[in-house]
Protein backbone atom coordinates (compact mmCIF):
# COMPACT_ATOMS: atom_id res chain seq x y z
CA MET A 1 89.16 107.33 59.00
CA THR A 2 87.99 106.40 62.72
CA THR A 3 86.89 109.31 64.84
CA GLN A 4 87.64 108.55 68.91
CA SER A 5 84.76 107.85 71.45
CA PRO A 6 83.92 111.09 73.24
CA THR A 7 84.31 108.66 76.61
CA CYS A 8 87.51 107.06 75.40
CA LYS A 9 90.27 109.29 74.62
CA SER A 10 92.84 106.88 74.09
CA SER A 11 91.70 104.83 71.34
CA ALA A 12 89.07 104.57 68.75
CA HIS A 13 86.99 101.99 70.79
CA PRO A 14 83.89 103.17 72.44
CA THR A 15 83.92 102.44 76.03
CA ALA A 16 80.70 100.63 75.32
CA ASP A 17 82.18 97.90 73.09
CA VAL A 18 85.07 96.98 75.51
CA PRO A 19 83.80 93.56 77.04
CA LEU A 20 84.32 93.67 80.92
CA VAL A 21 83.94 91.16 83.67
CA GLN A 22 83.69 91.69 87.23
CA TYR A 23 84.18 88.46 89.60
CA ARG A 24 83.06 88.13 92.99
CA ASP A 25 86.22 89.04 94.88
CA GLY A 26 86.42 92.16 92.70
CA SER A 27 88.79 91.39 89.88
CA ILE A 28 87.56 93.31 86.80
CA TYR A 29 89.03 91.81 83.48
CA ALA A 30 88.94 93.32 79.85
CA MET A 31 89.13 91.41 76.38
CA SER A 32 91.13 93.22 73.70
CA LEU A 33 89.14 94.65 70.92
CA SER A 34 92.56 95.14 68.65
CA GLU A 35 93.61 91.64 69.72
CA PRO A 36 91.38 88.94 69.96
CA GLY A 37 91.92 86.40 72.73
CA ARG A 38 94.04 88.72 74.87
CA VAL A 39 92.60 89.76 78.32
CA TYR A 40 93.77 92.67 80.69
CA LEU A 41 93.42 92.99 84.61
CA VAL A 42 92.22 96.33 85.57
CA GLN A 43 92.24 98.11 89.05
CA LEU A 44 89.84 100.93 89.96
CA ALA A 45 92.01 101.75 92.98
CA PRO A 46 94.40 103.08 92.11
CA LEU A 47 93.23 102.96 88.41
CA SER A 48 95.36 100.72 86.39
CA CYS A 49 95.04 98.16 83.43
CA THR A 50 97.68 95.70 82.27
CA CYS A 51 97.25 96.72 78.79
CA ALA A 52 100.20 98.65 76.64
CA GLY A 53 98.22 101.76 76.06
CA PHE A 54 97.91 102.23 80.22
CA SER A 55 101.60 102.05 80.58
CA PHE A 56 102.14 104.48 77.90
CA ARG A 57 99.58 107.02 78.52
CA GLY A 58 98.25 106.30 82.06
CA ARG A 59 94.82 105.74 80.56
CA CYS A 60 93.06 103.36 78.39
CA CYS A 61 89.55 102.43 76.87
CA HIS A 62 89.46 99.20 79.40
CA ALA A 63 89.97 101.43 82.56
CA THR A 64 87.70 103.80 81.49
CA ALA A 65 85.12 101.63 80.73
CA ALA A 66 85.64 99.73 83.91
CA VAL A 67 85.17 103.17 85.89
CA GLU A 68 81.88 104.03 83.82
CA ARG A 69 80.53 100.61 84.51
CA PHE A 70 81.61 99.50 88.01
CA GLY A 71 82.50 103.10 89.53
CA GLN A 72 85.44 104.79 91.19
CA VAL A 73 86.84 102.97 94.56
CA CYS A 74 88.23 105.05 97.54
CA GLU A 75 91.86 104.33 97.89
CA HIS A 76 91.61 104.67 101.67
CA CYS A 77 88.40 102.69 102.56
CA GLY A 78 87.93 100.57 99.20
CA HIS A 79 84.06 101.92 99.34
CA SER A 80 82.38 102.34 95.92
CA GLY A 81 79.45 104.44 95.09
CA ALA A 82 78.18 107.81 94.33
CA ASP A 83 79.85 109.42 97.16
CA VAL A 84 83.46 108.91 95.82
CA ASP A 85 85.11 111.25 93.77
CA VAL A 86 88.75 111.97 91.97
CA PHE A 87 90.48 115.24 93.82
CA VAL A 88 93.45 116.90 92.16
CA ASN A 89 96.36 118.36 94.10
CA ARG A 90 97.22 121.39 92.44
CA TRP A 91 100.11 121.47 94.34
CA ASP A 92 101.43 118.22 93.64
CA ASN A 93 101.63 118.37 89.70
CA ASN A 94 97.85 117.99 89.54
CA SER A 95 98.26 114.29 90.69
CA THR A 96 94.52 112.56 91.66
CA ILE A 97 93.55 110.42 94.33
CA VAL A 98 90.26 108.97 94.53
CA LEU A 99 88.37 109.50 98.08
CA CYS A 100 85.33 109.26 99.78
CA THR A 101 83.28 112.57 99.52
CA ASP A 102 82.33 112.36 103.28
CA ARG A 103 85.45 112.11 105.46
CA ARG A 104 83.82 110.96 108.46
CA ALA A 105 82.04 107.91 106.79
CA CYS A 106 85.27 107.25 105.26
CA MET A 107 87.28 106.75 108.57
CA ALA A 108 84.11 104.95 109.99
CA ARG A 109 84.45 102.41 107.27
CA GLN A 110 88.23 101.89 108.39
CA GLY A 111 87.45 101.50 111.75
CA VAL A 112 88.99 105.17 112.75
CA ALA A 113 87.11 107.20 115.28
């Protein structure tokens, strides 16, 4: 019997075991642990992965591992760092959006005064 990793609720694979690579252009690729040779494209903003698990559940260990290693990316300005967070809109079926916590800094990065 396998137990689920506490940081990767979608599969039995711990996120620390997920092989990831991020290229200079920002693209992130994850290698499958269950299907050797298969590679998935992971995007941080909006969060997505080309694996079947993400298309079924909207989450997967590849995407979770990428967020843990590379951080969230603001969906408005593309900034990543400790000042980027996930916000939940309780009035829109609990949908989420990833934004900078400092609205003014986010707008400045976009060139908006």
